[in-house]
Amino acid sequence: QVQLVESGGGLVQPGGSLRLSCAASESILDKYAMGWYRQAPGKQRELVARIISGGFTDYADSVKGRFTISRDNAKNTVYLQMKSLKPEDTAVYYCYVQPAFWSTNEWGQGTQVTVSS
């Protein structure tokens, strides 16, 4: 099982930026997909962004144009650059990996992002 460690969360003012990192315990070169979900209090976990083998990226409508997902295969790390943050972006952000198309997701422990003045 792949171990995932997130970092980079914190408190930021509306309009600010944060970059989340997700470091995997093994090579991500052969992984089908990696990405980020988030879960706000009282809400269901939702997909924020993902990057699929071959480089295809996919974003939730609510973050398009503000968030960018990328990967550094040499560092076994996936990033989520978040700009123009809004209070409604406040949530626990979870990194995940889907090792193969037929696999279930494996999860990190989550990192809190709070957008507040």
C-alpha atoms as a PDB file:
ATOM      1  CA  GLN A   1       0.000   0.000   0.000  1.00  0.00           C
ATOM      2  CA  VAL A   2       1.275   3.453  -0.920  1.00  0.00           C
ATOM      3  CA  GLN A   3       1.853   5.836   1.987  1.00  0.00           C
ATOM      4  CA  LEU A   4       0.860   9.437   1.287  1.00  0.00           C
ATOM      5  CA  VAL A   5       1.922  12.411   3.388  1.00  0.00           C
ATOM      6  CA  GLU A   6       0.282  15.795   2.796  1.00  0.00           C
ATOM      7  CA  SER A   7       1.690  19.141   3.824  1.00  0.00           C
ATOM      8  CA  GLY A   8       1.175  22.821   3.131  1.00  0.00           C
ATOM      9  CA  GLY A   9      -2.198  23.469   4.699  1.00  0.00           C
ATOM     10  CA  GLY A  10      -2.885  26.359   7.033  1.00  0.00           C
ATOM     11  CA  LEU A  11      -4.765  29.576   7.589  1.00  0.00           C
ATOM     12  CA  VAL A  12      -4.894  32.104   4.762  1.00  0.00           C
ATOM     13  CA  GLN A  13      -6.896  35.258   4.087  1.00  0.00           C
ATOM     14  CA  PRO A  14      -9.448  35.404   1.269  1.00  0.00           C
ATOM     15  CA  GLY A  15      -7.672  36.062  -2.007  1.00  0.00           C
ATOM     16  CA  GLY A  16      -4.506  34.401  -0.769  1.00  0.00           C
ATOM     17  CA  SER A  17      -2.598  31.377  -2.016  1.00  0.00           C
ATOM     18  CA  LEU A  18      -1.372  28.051  -0.696  1.00  0.00           C
ATOM     19  CA  ARG A  19       0.444  25.106  -2.199  1.00  0.00           C
ATOM     20  CA  LEU A  20      -0.322  21.630  -0.950  1.00  0.00           C
ATOM     21  CA  SER A  21       2.156  18.804  -1.392  1.00  0.00           C
ATOM     22  CA  CYS A  22       1.554  15.063  -1.329  1.00  0.00           C
ATOM     23  CA  ALA A  23       4.638  12.887  -1.048  1.00  0.00           C
ATOM     24  CA  ALA A  24       4.281   9.208  -1.916  1.00  0.00           C
ATOM     25  CA  SER A  25       6.360   6.414  -0.395  1.00  0.00           C
ATOM     26  CA  GLU A  26       7.096   4.886  -3.782  1.00  0.00           C
ATOM     27  CA  SER A  27       7.348   5.796  -7.427  1.00  0.00           C
ATOM     28  CA  ILE A  28       4.275   7.446  -8.896  1.00  0.00           C
ATOM     29  CA  LEU A  29       5.360   6.925 -12.481  1.00  0.00           C
ATOM     30  CA  ASP A  30       3.174   3.890 -12.987  1.00  0.00           C
ATOM     31  CA  LYS A  31       0.158   5.060 -10.976  1.00  0.00           C
ATOM     32  CA  TYR A  32      -3.088   5.474 -12.905  1.00  0.00           C
ATOM     33  CA  ALA A  33      -4.247   8.617 -11.119  1.00  0.00           C
ATOM     34  CA  MET A  34      -3.446  10.907  -8.213  1.00  0.00           C
ATOM     35  CA  GLY A  35      -5.241  13.919  -6.919  1.00  0.00           C
ATOM     36  CA  TRP A  36      -7.038  15.763  -4.183  1.00  0.00           C
ATOM     37  CA  TYR A  37     -10.417  15.570  -2.535  1.00  0.00           C
ATOM     38  CA  ARG A  38     -11.733  17.879   0.144  1.00  0.00           C
ATOM     39  CA  GLN A  39     -14.325  17.631   2.861  1.00  0.00           C
ATOM     40  CA  ALA A  40     -15.904  20.575   4.620  1.00  0.00           C
ATOM     41  CA  PRO A  41     -17.791  20.178   7.915  1.00  0.00           C
ATOM     42  CA  GLY A  42     -21.207  18.637   7.339  1.00  0.00           C
ATOM     43  CA  LYS A  43     -20.528  18.011   3.657  1.00  0.00           C
ATOM     44  CA  GLN A  44     -19.577  15.041   1.547  1.00  0.00           C
ATOM     45  CA  ARG A  45     -16.051  14.542   0.333  1.00  0.00           C
ATOM     46  CA  GLU A  46     -15.685  15.985  -3.163  1.00  0.00           C
ATOM     47  CA  LEU A  47     -13.112  15.672  -5.897  1.00  0.00           C
ATOM     48  CA  VAL A  48     -11.078  18.856  -6.307  1.00  0.00           C
ATOM     49  CA  ALA A  49      -8.529  17.908  -8.935  1.00  0.00           C
ATOM     50  CA  ARG A  50      -6.827  14.860 -10.378  1.00  0.00           C
ATOM     51  CA  ILE A  51      -4.061  14.023 -12.777  1.00  0.00           C
ATOM     52  CA  ILE A  52      -4.283  10.829 -14.768  1.00  0.00           C
ATOM     53  CA  SER A  53      -1.539   8.779 -16.386  1.00  0.00           C
ATOM     54  CA  GLY A  54      -0.545  10.577 -19.559  1.00  0.00           C
ATOM     55  CA  GLY A  55      -0.960  13.985 -17.973  1.00  0.00           C
ATOM     56  CA  PHE A  56      -4.693  14.548 -18.323  1.00  0.00           C
ATOM     57  CA  THR A  57      -6.025  16.855 -15.602  1.00  0.00           C
ATOM     58  CA  ASP A  58      -9.533  17.288 -14.304  1.00  0.00           C
ATOM     59  CA  TYR A  59     -10.948  19.930 -11.936  1.00  0.00           C
ATOM     60  CA  ALA A  60     -14.127  20.607 -10.032  1.00  0.00           C
ATOM     61  CA  ASP A  61     -16.035  23.497 -11.602  1.00  0.00           C
ATOM     62  CA  SER A  62     -15.704  25.486  -8.376  1.00  0.00           C
ATOM     63  CA  VAL A  63     -11.903  25.597  -8.593  1.00  0.00           C
ATOM     64  CA  LYS A  64     -11.277  25.845 -12.345  1.00  0.00           C
ATOM     65  CA  GLY A  65      -9.013  28.758 -13.149  1.00  0.00           C
ATOM     66  CA  ARG A  66      -7.868  29.062  -9.527  1.00  0.00           C
ATOM     67  CA  PHE A  67      -6.273  25.701  -8.692  1.00  0.00           C
ATOM     68  CA  THR A  68      -3.567  23.851 -10.590  1.00  0.00           C
ATOM     69  CA  ILE A  69      -2.517  20.254 -10.049  1.00  0.00           C
ATOM     70  CA  SER A  70       0.930  19.052 -11.048  1.00  0.00           C
ATOM     71  CA  ARG A  71       3.306  16.185 -10.370  1.00  0.00           C
ATOM     72  CA  ASP A  72       7.051  15.777  -9.976  1.00  0.00           C
ATOM     73  CA  ASN A  73       7.836  12.161 -10.784  1.00  0.00           C
ATOM     74  CA  ALA A  74      11.435  12.497  -9.615  1.00  0.00           C
ATOM     75  CA  LYS A  75      10.213  13.493  -6.148  1.00  0.00           C
ATOM     76  CA  ASN A  76       7.200  11.167  -6.105  1.00  0.00           C
ATOM     77  CA  THR A  77       5.119  14.212  -5.241  1.00  0.00           C
ATOM     78  CA  VAL A  78       1.857  15.741  -6.401  1.00  0.00           C
ATOM     79  CA  TYR A  79       1.097  19.403  -5.807  1.00  0.00           C
ATOM     80  CA  LEU A  80      -2.039  21.498  -5.642  1.00  0.00           C
ATOM     81  CA  GLN A  81      -1.416  25.198  -6.198  1.00  0.00           C
ATOM     82  CA  MET A  82      -4.381  27.166  -4.895  1.00  0.00           C
ATOM     83  CA  LYS A  83      -4.885  30.844  -5.725  1.00  0.00           C
ATOM     84  CA  SER A  84      -7.646  33.384  -5.136  1.00  0.00           C
ATOM     85  CA  LEU A  85      -8.814  31.348  -2.182  1.00  0.00           C
ATOM     86  CA  LYS A  86     -12.348  31.827  -0.897  1.00  0.00           C
ATOM     87  CA  PRO A  87     -13.923  31.042   2.481  1.00  0.00           C
ATOM     88  CA  GLU A  88     -15.856  28.230   0.798  1.00  0.00           C
ATOM     89  CA  ASP A  89     -12.535  26.519   0.025  1.00  0.00           C
ATOM     90  CA  THR A  90     -12.166  25.847   3.740  1.00  0.00           C
ATOM     91  CA  ALA A  91     -11.963  22.078   4.237  1.00  0.00           C
ATOM     92  CA  VAL A  92      -9.704  19.173   5.032  1.00  0.00           C
ATOM     93  CA  TYR A  93      -7.852  18.316   1.840  1.00  0.00           C
ATOM     94  CA  TYR A  94      -7.009  14.676   1.206  1.00  0.00           C
ATOM     95  CA  CYS A  95      -4.482  13.379  -1.253  1.00  0.00           C
ATOM     96  CA  TYR A  96      -5.275  10.091  -2.958  1.00  0.00           C
ATOM     97  CA  VAL A  97      -3.716   7.642  -5.346  1.00  0.00           C
ATOM     98  CA  GLN A  98      -5.493   5.173  -7.601  1.00  0.00           C
ATOM     99  CA  PRO A  99      -2.711   2.751  -8.464  1.00  0.00           C
ATOM    100  CA  ALA A 100      -4.495   1.154 -11.404  1.00  0.00           C
ATOM    101  CA  PHE A 101      -7.713   1.734 -13.298  1.00  0.00           C
ATOM    102  CA  TRP A 102      -9.396  -1.123 -11.423  1.00  0.00           C
ATOM    103  CA  SER A 103      -7.986  -0.164  -7.997  1.00  0.00           C
ATOM    104  CA  THR A 104      -9.695   1.527  -5.103  1.00  0.00           C
ATOM    105  CA  ASN A 105      -8.279   4.799  -3.863  1.00  0.00           C
ATOM    106  CA  GLU A 106      -5.624   4.990  -1.153  1.00  0.00           C
ATOM    107  CA  TRP A 107      -5.634   8.069   1.054  1.00  0.00           C
ATOM    108  CA  GLY A 108      -3.401  10.406   2.968  1.00  0.00           C
ATOM    109  CA  GLN A 109      -4.239  11.661   6.434  1.00  0.00           C
ATOM    110  CA  GLY A 110      -5.505  15.049   5.271  1.00  0.00           C
ATOM    111  CA  THR A 111      -4.394  18.629   5.789  1.00  0.00           C
ATOM    112  CA  GLN A 112      -6.588  21.487   6.995  1.00  0.00           C
ATOM    113  CA  VAL A 113      -7.049  24.571   4.828  1.00  0.00           C
ATOM    114  CA  THR A 114      -8.854  27.496   6.424  1.00  0.00           C
ATOM    115  CA  VAL A 115      -9.676  30.633   4.456  1.00  0.00           C
ATOM    116  CA  SER A 116     -10.728  33.408   6.785  1.00  0.00           C
ATOM    117  CA  SER A 117     -10.053  37.042   7.545  1.00  0.00           C
END
